[in-house]
Every structure is written in structure tokens, then in C-alpha cells.
Amino acid sequence: MDTHPKITLVGAGPGDPELITVKGLKALQSADVVLYDALSNPALLAEAPTKALKIYVGKRANNHRYKQEEINLMMVQHALNYGHVVRLKGGDPFIFGRGHEELQYAQSFGIETHVVPGISSSIAVPELQGVPLTRRGINESFWVITGTTSSGEISKDIALAAQSTATVVILMGTKKLTQITHLFKQHGKSNTPVLIIQNGSMPNEQMVHGTVATIVEIAQQESIGAPAIIVIGEVVDLLPERMEEFEAILNNYHY
């Protein structure tokens, strides 16, 4: 067995196992050890060699199997003992995934490291519903913000984003939905469309839409929870369902 220590951070994509990159798949197929997160699809483990160690190191809100420091150390120890460690992370490893911290830790031991970018849920999940984050004539930019910071507080950037015409995508924000909508209301955005997608790209996907003023009640009625992304902005009106609703209204309107 080749025990040359090597660590590859692989982005698993938003959930659907077919959305991993070809390069990510090749890394998995050459792994001696796979350390995988809660948001990476377990079906991808079948792509690793049968003899490879597969270790769950996932972290959910208030339920961390391992501390980040333990994951860092485990990654290095397994690379030194077994060879190629694939660190499989949901979405993209550098988008709120602490991937860069893990990379730096491994490099401090002189271990060969590689990064395979993943498709971020922040872009892919709305896109799979037919919603673009940017559209000519509607907006000129988009923000991707964490709803909950490392201290457990709501991100201060959300208040800044609420003042812009940008599409705002909020990850890890369902528990802060009331606070988030309050900030948008303060800036006169009560009628701004909102889309929430839970388990995006997966068979158990759920989706609700409304406005800043109505989305909290709608999400509660439909029992929407984590993991989910929140999309706030006029592009949400491009959701096929909403366009059908508007067309029906126009067809029933008599001039």
C-alpha cells in the first residue's frame, strides 16, 4: 500500500451524488481513508475502494461528533498512517466549510494537499428550481451570507445586504428567520419575494415561497427546517410556479 501522506479536500456538491465533479470522483476512487461530513451524500462512499476506511465526522447544529481540532488531527494522523485521505465536505469546501483551516493545518505538517472545488448549494439549489441569482434588468449582484456566525449570533452583513438591490442567499439561517425578516422589513422590503429550499437537490426536497412579510408563517406551517437555504430578492418571482400565478392573474384581468 502506498503510504505517501496526501490529503485532498473534495466538495461533494449540494446533495445529489451526481453533482460531484469528475475530479472529486477520481479522488474518492483513490482514497485510503474518507472523512465525510453530514452534508455530503453517504451514497458517494460507494465510490471509494472497499478497503478504504470511511469515518463520519459530521457536524450539525448543537450536535458535533468531533470538534474541529479533533478533525484536523485525525486528518493528519490518518494521512501519515494510511496514505491518501479524502476529506469529503458538502457543497464547496471553502464556502462556510472551514476547508481552508483544514488545508493550512495539514500543510503545517508538510503534507501534500489538494483541493477539488464543489458545486455550492448557494448557487445550485435555486438554479435547480429555475431561479437565477442574477438576471439582467432585475439585479446586478448577489450576496451569500451565513445566517449564524461562530458566536451563534445573526450575521451583521444581513442588515447591510437588506439595503441593497442584490439577491441575498442565506445559509444556515432557518432558526434566525424571524430576525432576518425583521431586518428586511426595517428597510421597506416587506413585499420582497422569499424562497426557502430544504434538502435541495435531494428526493426529500421541500420548498416554500412567499414574501418577507409572510414567509415566517408559511415556513412554520410547512415545518421547514435545516438544512435549507433562504433566497431573498426579486429574482424569486422568476420561479416557474410564481410566473404561472402571475400569468393566471393577468389572464383573469379584463381591460
Protein backbone atom coordinates (compact mmCIF):
# COMPACT_ATOMS: atom_id res chain seq x y z
CA MET A 1 0.00 0.00 0.00
CA ASP A 2 1.24 3.46 -0.89
CA THR A 3 1.52 5.27 2.44
CA HIS A 4 2.74 8.53 0.93
CA PRO A 5 0.71 11.01 3.00
CA LYS A 6 -1.68 13.11 0.97
CA ILE A 7 -4.88 14.98 1.80
CA THR A 8 -7.49 16.02 -0.75
CA LEU A 9 -10.36 18.31 0.19
CA VAL A 10 -13.30 17.38 -2.02
CA GLY A 11 -16.51 19.35 -2.41
CA ALA A 12 -19.38 16.87 -2.64
CA GLY A 13 -21.87 19.36 -4.06
CA PRO A 14 -25.34 20.28 -2.76
CA GLY A 15 -26.62 16.77 -2.05
CA ASP A 16 -27.43 14.90 -5.25
CA PRO A 17 -24.48 12.48 -5.59
CA GLU A 18 -24.42 13.01 -9.36
CA LEU A 19 -23.45 16.65 -8.80
CA ILE A 20 -19.94 15.84 -7.61
CA THR A 21 -17.21 16.75 -10.12
CA VAL A 22 -15.34 14.15 -12.16
CA LYS A 23 -12.12 15.17 -10.39
CA GLY A 24 -13.79 14.71 -7.00
CA LEU A 25 -14.96 11.27 -8.02
CA LYS A 26 -11.46 10.28 -9.10
CA ALA A 27 -10.06 11.42 -5.75
CA LEU A 28 -12.61 9.28 -3.91
CA GLN A 29 -11.74 6.27 -6.05
CA SER A 30 -8.09 6.55 -4.99
CA ALA A 31 -8.74 7.13 -1.27
CA ASP A 32 -7.28 5.08 1.56
CA VAL A 33 -9.40 6.98 4.10
CA VAL A 34 -12.56 9.06 3.68
CA LEU A 35 -13.55 11.52 6.39
CA TYR A 36 -17.04 12.68 5.48
CA ASP A 37 -19.43 15.35 6.72
CA ALA A 38 -23.14 15.36 7.50
CA LEU A 39 -23.97 17.30 4.35
CA SER A 40 -22.10 15.02 1.96
CA ASN A 41 -24.27 12.28 0.49
CA PRO A 42 -23.34 8.87 2.02
CA ALA A 43 -24.06 7.28 -1.39
CA LEU A 44 -20.73 8.72 -2.54
CA LEU A 45 -18.90 6.39 -0.16
CA ALA A 46 -19.63 3.54 -2.56
CA GLU A 47 -17.20 5.21 -4.98
CA ALA A 48 -14.28 4.74 -2.57
CA PRO A 49 -12.36 1.44 -2.57
CA THR A 50 -13.94 -1.27 -0.43
CA LYS A 51 -10.82 -1.48 1.75
CA ALA A 52 -10.81 2.29 2.44
CA LEU A 53 -11.66 3.46 5.94
CA LYS A 54 -14.83 5.54 5.97
CA ILE A 55 -15.27 7.72 9.05
CA TYR A 56 -18.19 10.03 9.78
CA VAL A 57 -17.06 13.33 11.28
CA GLY A 58 -20.24 15.29 10.60
CA LYS A 59 -21.37 18.39 12.41
CA ARG A 60 -24.98 19.50 12.77
CA ALA A 61 -26.30 22.38 14.85
CA ASN A 62 -25.68 21.55 18.53
CA ASN A 63 -24.56 18.04 17.56
CA HIS A 64 -20.86 17.85 16.77
CA ARG A 65 -19.46 14.35 16.66
CA TYR A 66 -15.93 15.75 16.74
CA LYS A 67 -14.55 19.19 17.47
CA GLN A 68 -12.82 20.89 14.56
CA GLU A 69 -9.44 20.49 16.25
CA GLU A 70 -10.04 16.72 16.51
CA ILE A 71 -10.98 16.51 12.84
CA ASN A 72 -7.81 18.38 11.87
CA LEU A 73 -5.66 16.00 13.90
CA MET A 74 -7.48 12.90 12.66
CA MET A 75 -6.96 14.01 9.07
CA VAL A 76 -3.21 14.34 9.55
CA GLN A 77 -2.80 11.14 11.59
CA HIS A 78 -4.67 9.06 9.03
CA ALA A 79 -2.65 10.54 6.18
CA LEU A 80 0.60 9.64 7.96
CA ASN A 81 -0.63 6.13 8.80
CA TYR A 82 -2.60 5.15 5.70
CA GLY A 83 -1.74 7.43 2.78
CA HIS A 84 -4.40 9.29 0.82
CA VAL A 85 -7.08 10.92 2.94
CA VAL A 86 -10.10 12.39 1.18
CA ARG A 87 -11.88 14.99 3.28
CA LEU A 88 -15.38 14.92 1.78
CA LYS A 89 -17.34 18.07 2.53
CA GLY A 90 -20.83 19.17 1.49
CA GLY A 91 -21.09 21.89 -1.14
CA ASP A 92 -17.76 23.60 -1.68
CA PRO A 93 -15.06 23.15 0.98
CA PHE A 94 -14.19 26.86 1.06
CA ILE A 95 -17.76 28.19 1.36
CA PHE A 96 -18.56 28.20 5.10
CA GLY A 97 -16.95 24.76 5.28
CA ARG A 98 -13.74 25.52 7.23
CA GLY A 99 -11.86 23.85 4.41
CA HIS A 100 -9.10 26.44 4.32
CA GLU A 101 -8.44 25.94 8.04
CA GLU A 102 -8.06 22.21 7.43
CA LEU A 103 -5.81 22.81 4.45
CA GLN A 104 -3.49 25.08 6.43
CA TYR A 105 -3.33 22.64 9.32
CA ALA A 106 -2.32 19.78 7.00
CA GLN A 107 0.26 21.95 5.25
CA SER A 108 1.85 22.87 8.59
CA PHE A 109 2.94 19.21 8.81
CA GLY A 110 4.43 19.30 5.31
CA ILE A 111 1.72 17.00 3.96
CA GLU A 112 0.88 17.17 0.25
CA THR A 113 -2.54 18.78 -0.16
CA HIS A 114 -5.04 19.25 -2.97
CA VAL A 115 -8.42 20.96 -3.27
CA VAL A 116 -11.25 19.87 -5.54
CA PRO A 117 -13.92 22.59 -5.66
CA GLY A 118 -17.53 21.57 -5.26
CA ILE A 119 -20.80 22.97 -6.58
CA SER A 120 -22.09 25.30 -3.87
CA SER A 121 -25.69 24.90 -2.75
CA SER A 122 -25.96 28.68 -2.62
CA ILE A 123 -25.97 28.79 -6.43
CA ALA A 124 -27.05 25.30 -7.47
CA VAL A 125 -30.16 24.82 -5.32
CA PRO A 126 -32.03 27.93 -6.56
CA GLU A 127 -30.85 27.17 -10.09
CA LEU A 128 -32.35 23.69 -9.95
CA GLN A 129 -35.69 25.38 -9.24
CA GLY A 130 -35.28 27.64 -12.26
CA VAL A 131 -34.30 30.69 -10.20
CA PRO A 132 -31.19 32.61 -11.32
CA LEU A 133 -29.34 34.61 -8.70
CA THR A 134 -28.71 37.32 -11.29
CA ARG A 135 -30.92 38.45 -14.14
CA ARG A 136 -30.39 41.35 -16.50
CA GLY A 137 -32.75 44.18 -15.66
CA ILE A 138 -33.51 42.86 -12.17
CA ASN A 139 -30.28 42.88 -10.16
CA GLU A 140 -26.55 43.34 -10.57
CA SER A 141 -25.10 41.17 -7.81
CA PHE A 142 -25.78 38.62 -5.13
CA TRP A 143 -24.69 38.12 -1.55
CA VAL A 144 -24.05 34.76 0.08
CA ILE A 145 -24.17 35.12 3.85
CA THR A 146 -24.16 32.76 6.80
CA GLY A 147 -27.27 33.24 8.91
CA THR A 148 -25.50 32.18 12.09
CA THR A 149 -21.95 33.21 12.96
CA SER A 150 -19.48 31.19 15.05
CA SER A 151 -20.70 33.05 18.13
CA GLY A 152 -24.28 31.93 17.44
CA GLU A 153 -25.43 35.44 16.58
CA ILE A 154 -27.05 36.60 13.37
CA SER A 155 -24.57 37.96 10.83
CA LYS A 156 -24.32 41.76 10.76
CA ASP A 157 -23.86 41.57 6.99
CA ILE A 158 -27.55 40.68 6.58
CA ALA A 159 -28.57 44.19 7.63
CA LEU A 160 -26.19 45.61 5.02
CA ALA A 161 -27.47 43.27 2.32
CA ALA A 162 -31.07 44.21 3.12
CA GLN A 163 -30.30 47.76 1.98
CA SER A 164 -29.19 46.69 -1.49
CA THR A 165 -30.99 45.53 -4.64
CA ALA A 166 -28.89 42.36 -4.68
CA THR A 167 -30.24 38.85 -4.37
CA VAL A 168 -29.45 37.68 -0.84
CA VAL A 169 -28.76 33.98 -0.22
CA ILE A 170 -28.56 32.98 3.42
CA LEU A 171 -27.14 29.64 4.52
CA MET A 172 -27.71 28.20 7.99
CA GLY A 173 -30.40 30.77 8.67
CA THR A 174 -33.71 28.97 9.24
CA LYS A 175 -33.51 29.34 13.02
CA LYS A 176 -32.93 33.06 12.56
CA LEU A 177 -35.71 33.55 10.01
CA THR A 178 -37.78 35.88 12.21
CA GLN A 179 -34.75 38.09 12.90
CA ILE A 180 -33.75 38.06 9.24
CA THR A 181 -37.16 39.14 8.00
CA HIS A 182 -37.30 41.84 10.69
CA LEU A 183 -34.12 43.38 9.28
CA PHE A 184 -35.56 43.43 5.76
CA LYS A 185 -38.82 44.95 6.98
CA GLN A 186 -36.84 47.75 8.61
CA HIS A 187 -35.57 48.68 5.15
CA GLY A 188 -39.01 48.67 3.50
CA LYS A 189 -38.66 45.21 1.98
CA SER A 190 -41.84 43.59 3.36
CA ASN A 191 -43.09 42.76 -0.14
CA THR A 192 -39.79 41.36 -1.40
CA PRO A 193 -40.17 37.73 -2.57
CA VAL A 194 -38.57 34.97 -0.49
CA LEU A 195 -37.84 31.35 -1.36
CA ILE A 196 -36.72 28.67 1.12
CA ILE A 197 -35.48 25.30 -0.10
CA GLN A 198 -34.82 22.47 2.36
CA ASN A 199 -32.69 19.45 1.35
CA GLY A 200 -32.07 21.00 -2.05
CA SER A 201 -31.37 18.60 -4.97
CA MET A 202 -32.44 15.60 -2.85
CA PRO A 203 -35.54 13.36 -3.17
CA ASN A 204 -36.91 14.76 0.13
CA GLU A 205 -36.55 18.36 -1.03
CA GLN A 206 -39.16 20.82 0.25
CA MET A 207 -39.76 24.33 -0.98
CA VAL A 208 -41.90 27.25 0.16
CA HIS A 209 -42.16 30.79 -1.13
CA GLY A 210 -43.80 34.00 -0.05
CA THR A 211 -42.68 37.48 0.87
CA VAL A 212 -40.62 38.94 3.69
CA ALA A 213 -43.91 39.68 5.46
CA THR A 214 -45.40 36.17 5.09
CA ILE A 215 -42.53 33.67 4.89
CA VAL A 216 -42.12 33.03 8.64
CA GLU A 217 -45.71 31.84 8.99
CA ILE A 218 -45.53 29.82 5.77
CA ALA A 219 -42.29 28.10 6.80
CA GLN A 220 -43.78 27.23 10.20
CA GLN A 221 -46.93 25.80 8.61
CA GLU A 222 -44.86 23.58 6.31
CA SER A 223 -42.37 22.60 9.05
CA ILE A 224 -39.37 23.81 7.06
CA GLY A 225 -36.08 23.30 8.88
CA ALA A 226 -32.37 22.74 8.35
CA PRO A 227 -30.53 22.17 6.13
CA ALA A 228 -32.09 24.85 3.96
CA ILE A 229 -31.15 27.95 2.04
CA ILE A 230 -33.07 31.22 2.02
CA VAL A 231 -33.22 33.32 -1.15
CA ILE A 232 -34.48 36.90 -0.84
CA GLY A 233 -34.89 39.13 -3.88
CA GLU A 234 -36.91 39.98 -6.96
CA VAL A 235 -35.42 37.03 -8.89
CA VAL A 236 -37.62 34.73 -6.78
CA ASP A 237 -40.52 35.96 -8.93
CA LEU A 238 -38.87 34.05 -11.79
CA LEU A 239 -39.74 30.79 -10.03
CA PRO A 240 -41.90 28.93 -12.58
CA GLU A 241 -44.70 28.48 -10.04
CA ARG A 242 -44.85 32.21 -9.33
CA MET A 243 -44.77 33.09 -13.02
CA GLU A 244 -47.74 30.78 -13.59
CA GLU A 245 -49.59 32.52 -10.76
CA PHE A 246 -48.91 35.95 -12.26
CA GLU A 247 -49.96 34.81 -15.73
CA ALA A 248 -53.22 33.47 -14.31
CA ILE A 249 -53.88 36.83 -12.64
CA LEU A 250 -53.19 38.67 -15.90
CA ASN A 251 -55.44 36.30 -17.88
CA ASN A 252 -58.31 36.97 -15.46
CA TYR A 253 -57.86 40.72 -15.62
CA HIS A 254 -60.18 42.44 -18.08
CA TYR A 255 -59.08 45.76 -19.53
